[in-house]
Amino acid sequence: MHSQTEIDTATVSISHPDNIGYDRLSELERFAEIGRLSVGLLHEISSPLSAALLWLEQCNGPQSPYMRHVRSSMSLLKDYVEAARQQVRRESPCREFHVRSELERVWSILAAVAARRGVSLDFAPAGNYKLHGDPIKFQQILANLVRNAIDSYDSCPAGGHKPVRIRFRASRGYLVTEVADRGCGITRDQFDKLFQPFYSTKAGAGKGLGIGLFSVKRSIEEDFRGDVSVSSLPGQGTRFIARFSIMPGVR
């Protein structure tokens, strides 16, 4: 890892101009189209997903670890679909939850992805921290940051150690979460656009919609009363720092 003095740091905020210009109008239209597609997908995916889970329940006898992982992943996908439906209906459940149990679910999602890409995930114990909010949104925030760290190695030379380091600590009423990689890094001219919707540093088709970090920033600020910052050095890695308000008296 690099010391703070070695890394150029920038905290990015999204501006909201009073006058909606052509670019902003185009952005809103794209969000509207994504919304329409998402609602349709939520409706269509429910039946085959439920059917797949029912078929899995019919698998009697000893099951391999792989089959158990499939069952767990399918159940988690069902939870995500239901959470998305609740968000559309503005019914997202906010409650107290322990960070540790949610991290286990994030690990179960990304461990196989990281292993296939030759990336080692280094999760440190998160302690007995408790947050208030939607636990699914917390999972999605962390999964986005970790997945971006995994993807950071795509444009780097093949071979070598590929670590992604995830750390947690308490500081002044916040759970400070650090996700760091030693990938290709982010250039200074990319910082201003990094959290804007539909912007992506990933080259090539099929690399996402460019709304992951935009959603991460908005959810941290609006749902967890926190903030997110990023520091990077081209060719040497990137570090995201996300802060979440901690439930008083719990650590």
C-alpha atoms as a PDB file:
ATOM      1  CA  MET A   1       0.000   0.000   0.000  1.00  0.00           C
ATOM      2  CA  HIS A   2       1.093   3.575  -0.502  1.00  0.00           C
ATOM      3  CA  SER A   3       1.166   6.236   2.187  1.00  0.00           C
ATOM      4  CA  GLN A   4      -1.280   9.109   1.980  1.00  0.00           C
ATOM      5  CA  THR A   5       1.531  11.452   0.935  1.00  0.00           C
ATOM      6  CA  GLU A   6       2.336   9.270  -2.044  1.00  0.00           C
ATOM      7  CA  ILE A   7      -1.145   9.287  -3.471  1.00  0.00           C
ATOM      8  CA  ASP A   8      -3.043  12.138  -5.040  1.00  0.00           C
ATOM      9  CA  THR A   9      -6.435  12.289  -3.340  1.00  0.00           C
ATOM     10  CA  ALA A  10      -9.669  13.753  -4.651  1.00  0.00           C
ATOM     11  CA  THR A  11     -13.142  13.716  -3.203  1.00  0.00           C
ATOM     12  CA  VAL A  12     -15.681  13.989  -5.988  1.00  0.00           C
ATOM     13  CA  SER A  13     -19.097  15.560  -5.704  1.00  0.00           C
ATOM     14  CA  ILE A  14     -21.919  15.698  -8.208  1.00  0.00           C
ATOM     15  CA  SER A  15     -23.114  19.136  -9.183  1.00  0.00           C
ATOM     16  CA  HIS A  16     -26.785  19.996  -9.725  1.00  0.00           C
ATOM     17  CA  PRO A  17     -27.119  23.012 -12.027  1.00  0.00           C
ATOM     18  CA  ASP A  18     -30.250  25.140 -11.794  1.00  0.00           C
ATOM     19  CA  ASN A  19     -30.821  25.003 -15.519  1.00  0.00           C
ATOM     20  CA  ILE A  20     -31.249  21.607 -17.104  1.00  0.00           C
ATOM     21  CA  GLY A  21     -29.239  21.635 -20.325  1.00  0.00           C
ATOM     22  CA  TYR A  22     -29.178  19.187 -23.189  1.00  0.00           C
ATOM     23  CA  ASP A  23     -26.708  16.831 -21.470  1.00  0.00           C
ATOM     24  CA  ARG A  24     -28.779  16.745 -18.291  1.00  0.00           C
ATOM     25  CA  LEU A  25     -31.970  16.126 -20.242  1.00  0.00           C
ATOM     26  CA  SER A  26     -30.291  13.284 -22.134  1.00  0.00           C
ATOM     27  CA  GLU A  27     -29.112  11.852 -18.820  1.00  0.00           C
ATOM     28  CA  LEU A  28     -32.642  11.943 -17.391  1.00  0.00           C
ATOM     29  CA  GLU A  29     -34.000  10.234 -20.501  1.00  0.00           C
ATOM     30  CA  ARG A  30     -31.443   7.442 -20.128  1.00  0.00           C
ATOM     31  CA  PHE A  31     -32.396   6.989 -16.477  1.00  0.00           C
ATOM     32  CA  ALA A  32     -36.058   6.826 -17.463  1.00  0.00           C
ATOM     33  CA  GLU A  33     -35.306   4.149 -20.054  1.00  0.00           C
ATOM     34  CA  ILE A  34     -33.289   2.140 -17.527  1.00  0.00           C
ATOM     35  CA  GLY A  35     -36.204   2.444 -15.119  1.00  0.00           C
ATOM     36  CA  ARG A  36     -38.659   1.103 -17.678  1.00  0.00           C
ATOM     37  CA  LEU A  37     -36.372  -1.787 -18.577  1.00  0.00           C
ATOM     38  CA  SER A  38     -35.686  -2.570 -14.931  1.00  0.00           C
ATOM     39  CA  VAL A  39     -39.355  -2.759 -13.993  1.00  0.00           C
ATOM     40  CA  GLY A  40     -39.998  -5.115 -16.891  1.00  0.00           C
ATOM     41  CA  LEU A  41     -37.014  -7.259 -15.970  1.00  0.00           C
ATOM     42  CA  LEU A  42     -38.114  -7.486 -12.334  1.00  0.00           C
ATOM     43  CA  HIS A  43     -41.485  -8.771 -13.508  1.00  0.00           C
ATOM     44  CA  GLU A  44     -40.099 -11.265 -16.026  1.00  0.00           C
ATOM     45  CA  ILE A  45     -37.267 -12.679 -13.924  1.00  0.00           C
ATOM     46  CA  SER A  46     -39.405 -13.673 -10.940  1.00  0.00           C
ATOM     47  CA  SER A  47     -41.040 -16.744 -12.503  1.00  0.00           C
ATOM     48  CA  PRO A  48     -37.904 -18.494 -13.832  1.00  0.00           C
ATOM     49  CA  LEU A  49     -36.051 -17.638 -10.625  1.00  0.00           C
ATOM     50  CA  SER A  50     -38.776 -19.140  -8.448  1.00  0.00           C
ATOM     51  CA  ALA A  51     -38.870 -22.204 -10.697  1.00  0.00           C
ATOM     52  CA  ALA A  52     -35.103 -22.676 -10.413  1.00  0.00           C
ATOM     53  CA  LEU A  53     -35.294 -22.522  -6.618  1.00  0.00           C
ATOM     54  CA  LEU A  54     -38.130 -25.063  -6.577  1.00  0.00           C
ATOM     55  CA  TRP A  55     -36.123 -27.444  -8.778  1.00  0.00           C
ATOM     56  CA  LEU A  56     -33.134 -27.069  -6.461  1.00  0.00           C
ATOM     57  CA  GLU A  57     -35.324 -28.099  -3.544  1.00  0.00           C
ATOM     58  CA  GLN A  58     -36.079 -31.359  -5.366  1.00  0.00           C
ATOM     59  CA  CYS A  59     -32.412 -32.335  -5.342  1.00  0.00           C
ATOM     60  CA  ASN A  60     -32.375 -35.026  -2.650  1.00  0.00           C
ATOM     61  CA  GLY A  61     -29.419 -36.756  -1.134  1.00  0.00           C
ATOM     62  CA  PRO A  62     -25.893 -35.471  -0.416  1.00  0.00           C
ATOM     63  CA  GLN A  63     -25.016 -32.272  -2.174  1.00  0.00           C
ATOM     64  CA  SER A  64     -21.604 -31.064  -3.264  1.00  0.00           C
ATOM     65  CA  PRO A  65     -20.243 -27.778  -1.927  1.00  0.00           C
ATOM     66  CA  TYR A  66     -20.784 -26.357  -5.415  1.00  0.00           C
ATOM     67  CA  MET A  67     -24.488 -27.170  -5.302  1.00  0.00           C
ATOM     68  CA  ARG A  68     -24.769 -25.502  -1.900  1.00  0.00           C
ATOM     69  CA  HIS A  69     -23.113 -22.392  -3.320  1.00  0.00           C
ATOM     70  CA  VAL A  70     -25.582 -22.425  -6.224  1.00  0.00           C
ATOM     71  CA  ARG A  71     -28.514 -22.653  -3.812  1.00  0.00           C
ATOM     72  CA  SER A  72     -27.119 -19.827  -1.671  1.00  0.00           C
ATOM     73  CA  SER A  73     -26.485 -17.598  -4.699  1.00  0.00           C
ATOM     74  CA  MET A  74     -29.972 -18.210  -6.106  1.00  0.00           C
ATOM     75  CA  SER A  75     -31.551 -17.357  -2.751  1.00  0.00           C
ATOM     76  CA  LEU A  76     -29.495 -14.176  -2.585  1.00  0.00           C
ATOM     77  CA  LEU A  77     -30.576 -13.262  -6.116  1.00  0.00           C
ATOM     78  CA  LYS A  78     -34.192 -13.694  -5.054  1.00  0.00           C
ATOM     79  CA  ASP A  79     -33.556 -11.326  -2.123  1.00  0.00           C
ATOM     80  CA  TYR A  80     -32.042  -8.781  -4.525  1.00  0.00           C
ATOM     81  CA  VAL A  81     -35.044  -8.973  -6.839  1.00  0.00           C
ATOM     82  CA  GLU A  82     -37.430  -8.427  -3.937  1.00  0.00           C
ATOM     83  CA  ALA A  83     -35.296  -5.552  -2.623  1.00  0.00           C
ATOM     84  CA  ALA A  84     -35.377  -3.922  -6.060  1.00  0.00           C
ATOM     85  CA  ARG A  85     -39.176  -4.258  -6.140  1.00  0.00           C
ATOM     86  CA  GLN A  86     -39.401  -2.574  -2.755  1.00  0.00           C
ATOM     87  CA  GLN A  87     -37.161   0.245  -3.933  1.00  0.00           C
ATOM     88  CA  VAL A  88     -39.416   0.793  -6.958  1.00  0.00           C
ATOM     89  CA  ARG A  89     -42.396   0.944  -4.582  1.00  0.00           C
ATOM     90  CA  ARG A  90     -40.381   3.186  -2.226  1.00  0.00           C
ATOM     91  CA  GLU A  91     -40.721   0.578   0.494  1.00  0.00           C
ATOM     92  CA  SER A  92     -37.054  -0.187   1.165  1.00  0.00           C
ATOM     93  CA  PRO A  93     -36.821  -1.682   4.675  1.00  0.00           C
ATOM     94  CA  CYS A  94     -34.551   0.300   6.986  1.00  0.00           C
ATOM     95  CA  ARG A  95     -33.494  -1.532  10.117  1.00  0.00           C
ATOM     96  CA  GLU A  96     -30.529  -2.202  12.353  1.00  0.00           C
ATOM     97  CA  PHE A  97     -28.153  -4.841  11.031  1.00  0.00           C
ATOM     98  CA  HIS A  98     -24.747  -6.245  11.863  1.00  0.00           C
ATOM     99  CA  VAL A  99     -22.082  -5.536   9.281  1.00  0.00           C
ATOM    100  CA  ARG A 100     -20.348  -8.891   9.693  1.00  0.00           C
ATOM    101  CA  SER A 101     -23.264 -10.998   8.457  1.00  0.00           C
ATOM    102  CA  GLU A 102     -23.708  -8.799   5.371  1.00  0.00           C
ATOM    103  CA  LEU A 103     -20.007  -9.078   4.551  1.00  0.00           C
ATOM    104  CA  GLU A 104     -20.320 -12.860   4.517  1.00  0.00           C
ATOM    105  CA  ARG A 105     -22.944 -12.554   1.801  1.00  0.00           C
ATOM    106  CA  VAL A 106     -20.751 -10.197  -0.240  1.00  0.00           C
ATOM    107  CA  TRP A 107     -17.898 -12.672   0.089  1.00  0.00           C
ATOM    108  CA  SER A 108     -20.126 -15.507  -1.132  1.00  0.00           C
ATOM    109  CA  ILE A 109     -20.986 -13.454  -4.230  1.00  0.00           C
ATOM    110  CA  LEU A 110     -17.497 -12.347  -5.214  1.00  0.00           C
ATOM    111  CA  ALA A 111     -15.112 -15.072  -4.012  1.00  0.00           C
ATOM    112  CA  ALA A 112     -15.613 -17.237  -7.110  1.00  0.00           C
ATOM    113  CA  VAL A 113     -15.369 -14.222  -9.443  1.00  0.00           C
ATOM    114  CA  ALA A 114     -12.088 -13.139  -7.856  1.00  0.00           C
ATOM    115  CA  ALA A 115     -10.629 -16.664  -7.930  1.00  0.00           C
ATOM    116  CA  ARG A 116     -11.442 -17.067 -11.609  1.00  0.00           C
ATOM    117  CA  ARG A 117      -9.651 -13.784 -12.368  1.00  0.00           C
ATOM    118  CA  GLY A 118      -6.616 -14.667 -10.232  1.00  0.00           C
ATOM    119  CA  VAL A 119      -7.399 -11.953  -7.658  1.00  0.00           C
ATOM    120  CA  SER A 120      -6.976 -12.551  -3.938  1.00  0.00           C
ATOM    121  CA  LEU A 121      -9.587 -10.999  -1.631  1.00  0.00           C
ATOM    122  CA  ASP A 122      -8.240  -9.963   1.751  1.00  0.00           C
ATOM    123  CA  PHE A 123     -11.232  -9.305   4.019  1.00  0.00           C
ATOM    124  CA  ALA A 124     -10.348  -8.271   7.576  1.00  0.00           C
ATOM    125  CA  PRO A 125     -12.808  -9.017  10.416  1.00  0.00           C
ATOM    126  CA  ALA A 126     -15.342  -6.186  10.659  1.00  0.00           C
ATOM    127  CA  GLY A 127     -15.920  -6.314  14.412  1.00  0.00           C
ATOM    128  CA  ASN A 128     -19.361  -6.061  15.962  1.00  0.00           C
ATOM    129  CA  TYR A 129     -20.365  -2.910  14.094  1.00  0.00           C
ATOM    130  CA  LYS A 130     -24.030  -2.174  13.570  1.00  0.00           C
ATOM    131  CA  LEU A 131     -25.552   0.169  10.977  1.00  0.00           C
ATOM    132  CA  HIS A 132     -29.065   1.441  10.365  1.00  0.00           C
ATOM    133  CA  GLY A 133     -30.452   1.265   6.849  1.00  0.00           C
ATOM    134  CA  ASP A 134     -31.221  -1.228   4.125  1.00  0.00           C
ATOM    135  CA  PRO A 135     -28.800  -4.178   4.443  1.00  0.00           C
ATOM    136  CA  ILE A 136     -29.242  -5.064   0.767  1.00  0.00           C
ATOM    137  CA  LYS A 137     -28.096  -1.565  -0.211  1.00  0.00           C
ATOM    138  CA  PHE A 138     -25.070  -1.960   2.051  1.00  0.00           C
ATOM    139  CA  GLN A 139     -24.232  -5.236   0.313  1.00  0.00           C
ATOM    140  CA  GLN A 140     -24.606  -3.588  -3.084  1.00  0.00           C
ATOM    141  CA  ILE A 141     -22.339  -0.687  -2.107  1.00  0.00           C
ATOM    142  CA  LEU A 142     -19.563  -2.943  -0.900  1.00  0.00           C
ATOM    143  CA  ALA A 143     -19.987  -5.406  -3.776  1.00  0.00           C
ATOM    144  CA  ASN A 144     -19.688  -2.538  -6.285  1.00  0.00           C
ATOM    145  CA  LEU A 145     -16.467  -1.261  -4.719  1.00  0.00           C
ATOM    146  CA  VAL A 146     -14.914  -4.710  -4.458  1.00  0.00           C
ATOM    147  CA  ARG A 147     -15.958  -5.690  -7.986  1.00  0.00           C
ATOM    148  CA  ASN A 148     -14.421  -2.469  -9.345  1.00  0.00           C
ATOM    149  CA  ALA A 149     -11.196  -3.344  -7.512  1.00  0.00           C
ATOM    150  CA  ILE A 150     -11.220  -6.804  -9.104  1.00  0.00           C
ATOM    151  CA  ASP A 151     -11.831  -5.254 -12.537  1.00  0.00           C
ATOM    152  CA  SER A 152      -8.931  -2.833 -12.042  1.00  0.00           C
ATOM    153  CA  TYR A 153      -6.511  -5.583 -13.042  1.00  0.00           C
ATOM    154  CA  ASP A 154      -8.115  -6.186 -16.440  1.00  0.00           C
ATOM    155  CA  SER A 155      -5.944  -3.623 -18.241  1.00  0.00           C
ATOM    156  CA  CYS A 156      -2.751  -4.483 -16.358  1.00  0.00           C
ATOM    157  CA  PRO A 157      -0.021  -6.823 -17.615  1.00  0.00           C
ATOM    158  CA  ALA A 158      -0.850 -10.474 -17.020  1.00  0.00           C
ATOM    159  CA  GLY A 159       0.729 -12.312 -14.114  1.00  0.00           C
ATOM    160  CA  GLY A 160       1.869 -11.164 -10.709  1.00  0.00           C
ATOM    161  CA  HIS A 161       0.045 -10.843  -7.415  1.00  0.00           C
ATOM    162  CA  LYS A 162      -3.409  -9.255  -7.633  1.00  0.00           C
ATOM    163  CA  PRO A 163      -4.614  -8.309  -4.138  1.00  0.00           C
ATOM    164  CA  VAL A 164      -7.820  -6.537  -3.139  1.00  0.00           C
ATOM    165  CA  ARG A 165      -7.694  -5.384   0.461  1.00  0.00           C
ATOM    166  CA  ILE A 166     -10.880  -4.669   2.453  1.00  0.00           C
ATOM    167  CA  ARG A 167     -10.515  -3.111   5.908  1.00  0.00           C
ATOM    168  CA  PHE A 168     -12.863  -1.631   8.539  1.00  0.00           C
ATOM    169  CA  ARG A 169     -12.372   0.664  11.488  1.00  0.00           C
ATOM    170  CA  ALA A 170     -14.429   2.979  13.679  1.00  0.00           C
ATOM    171  CA  SER A 171     -13.670   6.697  13.656  1.00  0.00           C
ATOM    172  CA  ARG A 172     -15.724   9.546  15.159  1.00  0.00           C
ATOM    173  CA  GLY A 173     -19.096   7.833  14.845  1.00  0.00           C
ATOM    174  CA  TYR A 174     -18.449   6.316  11.425  1.00  0.00           C
ATOM    175  CA  LEU A 175     -17.595   2.892  10.134  1.00  0.00           C
ATOM    176  CA  VAL A 176     -14.712   3.613   7.772  1.00  0.00           C
ATOM    177  CA  THR A 177     -14.451   1.036   5.007  1.00  0.00           C
ATOM    178  CA  GLU A 178     -11.366   0.870   2.810  1.00  0.00           C
ATOM    179  CA  VAL A 179     -11.258  -1.055  -0.465  1.00  0.00           C
ATOM    180  CA  ALA A 180      -7.822  -0.940  -2.078  1.00  0.00           C
ATOM    181  CA  ASP A 181      -6.229  -2.586  -5.099  1.00  0.00           C
ATOM    182  CA  ARG A 182      -2.835  -2.432  -6.791  1.00  0.00           C
ATOM    183  CA  GLY A 183      -4.218  -2.276 -10.313  1.00  0.00           C
ATOM    184  CA  CYS A 184      -3.702   0.229 -13.098  1.00  0.00           C
ATOM    185  CA  GLY A 185      -5.010   3.219 -11.155  1.00  0.00           C
ATOM    186  CA  ILE A 186      -7.102   6.210 -12.219  1.00  0.00           C
ATOM    187  CA  THR A 187      -5.733   9.250 -14.036  1.00  0.00           C
ATOM    188  CA  ARG A 188      -6.317  12.737 -12.681  1.00  0.00           C
ATOM    189  CA  ASP A 189      -8.545  13.734 -15.609  1.00  0.00           C
ATOM    190  CA  GLN A 190     -10.894  10.845 -14.734  1.00  0.00           C
ATOM    191  CA  PHE A 191     -11.526  12.014 -11.167  1.00  0.00           C
ATOM    192  CA  ASP A 192     -14.048  14.725 -12.047  1.00  0.00           C
ATOM    193  CA  LYS A 193     -16.201  12.233 -13.951  1.00  0.00           C
ATOM    194  CA  LEU A 194     -15.752   9.198 -11.738  1.00  0.00           C
ATOM    195  CA  PHE A 195     -19.053   9.461  -9.832  1.00  0.00           C
ATOM    196  CA  GLN A 196     -21.090  10.853 -12.710  1.00  0.00           C
ATOM    197  CA  PRO A 197     -23.815   8.630 -14.179  1.00  0.00           C
ATOM    198  CA  PHE A 198     -23.027   6.675 -17.356  1.00  0.00           C
ATOM    199  CA  TYR A 199     -19.286   7.288 -17.062  1.00  0.00           C
ATOM    200  CA  SER A 200     -16.950   4.302 -16.893  1.00  0.00           C
ATOM    201  CA  THR A 201     -13.185   3.876 -16.902  1.00  0.00           C
ATOM    202  CA  LYS A 202     -13.604   0.322 -18.216  1.00  0.00           C
ATOM    203  CA  ALA A 203     -12.899  -0.056 -21.894  1.00  0.00           C
ATOM    204  CA  GLY A 204     -14.782  -2.321 -24.243  1.00  0.00           C
ATOM    205  CA  ALA A 205     -18.341  -3.478 -24.711  1.00  0.00           C
ATOM    206  CA  GLY A 206     -20.248  -5.385 -22.053  1.00  0.00           C
ATOM    207  CA  LYS A 207     -18.464  -3.620 -19.200  1.00  0.00           C
ATOM    208  CA  GLY A 208     -21.529  -2.208 -17.451  1.00  0.00           C
ATOM    209  CA  LEU A 209     -23.685   0.892 -17.676  1.00  0.00           C
ATOM    210  CA  GLY A 210     -21.426   3.269 -15.792  1.00  0.00           C
ATOM    211  CA  ILE A 211     -23.888   3.862 -12.944  1.00  0.00           C
ATOM    212  CA  GLY A 212     -22.268   1.720 -10.258  1.00  0.00           C
ATOM    213  CA  LEU A 213     -20.181   4.413  -8.561  1.00  0.00           C
ATOM    214  CA  PHE A 214     -22.939   6.984  -9.047  1.00  0.00           C
ATOM    215  CA  SER A 215     -25.316   4.678  -7.156  1.00  0.00           C
ATOM    216  CA  VAL A 216     -22.678   3.956  -4.506  1.00  0.00           C
ATOM    217  CA  LYS A 217     -22.158   7.656  -3.768  1.00  0.00           C
ATOM    218  CA  ARG A 218     -25.849   8.494  -3.679  1.00  0.00           C
ATOM    219  CA  SER A 219     -26.736   5.551  -1.445  1.00  0.00           C
ATOM    220  CA  ILE A 220     -23.917   6.222   1.025  1.00  0.00           C
ATOM    221  CA  GLU A 221     -24.930   9.864   1.342  1.00  0.00           C
ATOM    222  CA  GLU A 222     -28.713   9.470   1.355  1.00  0.00           C
ATOM    223  CA  ASP A 223     -29.204   6.099   3.055  1.00  0.00           C
ATOM    224  CA  PHE A 224     -26.262   5.903   5.458  1.00  0.00           C
ATOM    225  CA  ARG A 225     -25.502   9.582   6.166  1.00  0.00           C
ATOM    226  CA  GLY A 226     -21.904   9.146   5.069  1.00  0.00           C
ATOM    227  CA  ASP A 227     -19.523   9.977   2.252  1.00  0.00           C
ATOM    228  CA  VAL A 228     -17.059   8.367  -0.139  1.00  0.00           C
ATOM    229  CA  SER A 229     -13.674   9.471  -1.442  1.00  0.00           C
ATOM    230  CA  VAL A 230     -11.079   7.981  -3.756  1.00  0.00           C
ATOM    231  CA  SER A 231      -7.318   8.201  -4.072  1.00  0.00           C
ATOM    232  CA  SER A 232      -5.199   6.750  -6.842  1.00  0.00           C
ATOM    233  CA  LEU A 233      -1.830   6.723  -8.499  1.00  0.00           C
ATOM    234  CA  PRO A 234      -1.664   5.579 -12.149  1.00  0.00           C
ATOM    235  CA  GLY A 235       0.077   2.249 -12.422  1.00  0.00           C
ATOM    236  CA  GLN A 236       0.123   1.670  -8.663  1.00  0.00           C
ATOM    237  CA  GLY A 237      -3.448   1.243  -7.487  1.00  0.00           C
ATOM    238  CA  THR A 238      -6.637   2.831  -6.206  1.00  0.00           C
ATOM    239  CA  ARG A 239      -8.193   3.171  -2.781  1.00  0.00           C
ATOM    240  CA  PHE A 240     -11.833   3.948  -1.989  1.00  0.00           C
ATOM    241  CA  ILE A 241     -12.799   5.158   1.484  1.00  0.00           C
ATOM    242  CA  ALA A 242     -16.496   4.897   2.365  1.00  0.00           C
ATOM    243  CA  ARG A 243     -17.868   6.154   5.689  1.00  0.00           C
ATOM    244  CA  PHE A 244     -21.148   4.927   7.201  1.00  0.00           C
ATOM    245  CA  SER A 245     -22.812   6.273  10.352  1.00  0.00           C
ATOM    246  CA  ILE A 246     -22.493   3.723  13.149  1.00  0.00           C
ATOM    247  CA  MET A 247     -25.317   2.933  15.576  1.00  0.00           C
ATOM    248  CA  PRO A 248     -24.392   4.645  18.895  1.00  0.00           C
ATOM    249  CA  GLY A 249     -22.718   2.450  21.495  1.00  0.00           C
ATOM    250  CA  VAL A 250     -22.024  -0.489  19.196  1.00  0.00           C
ATOM    251  CA  ARG A 251     -18.624  -1.594  17.894  1.00  0.00           C
END
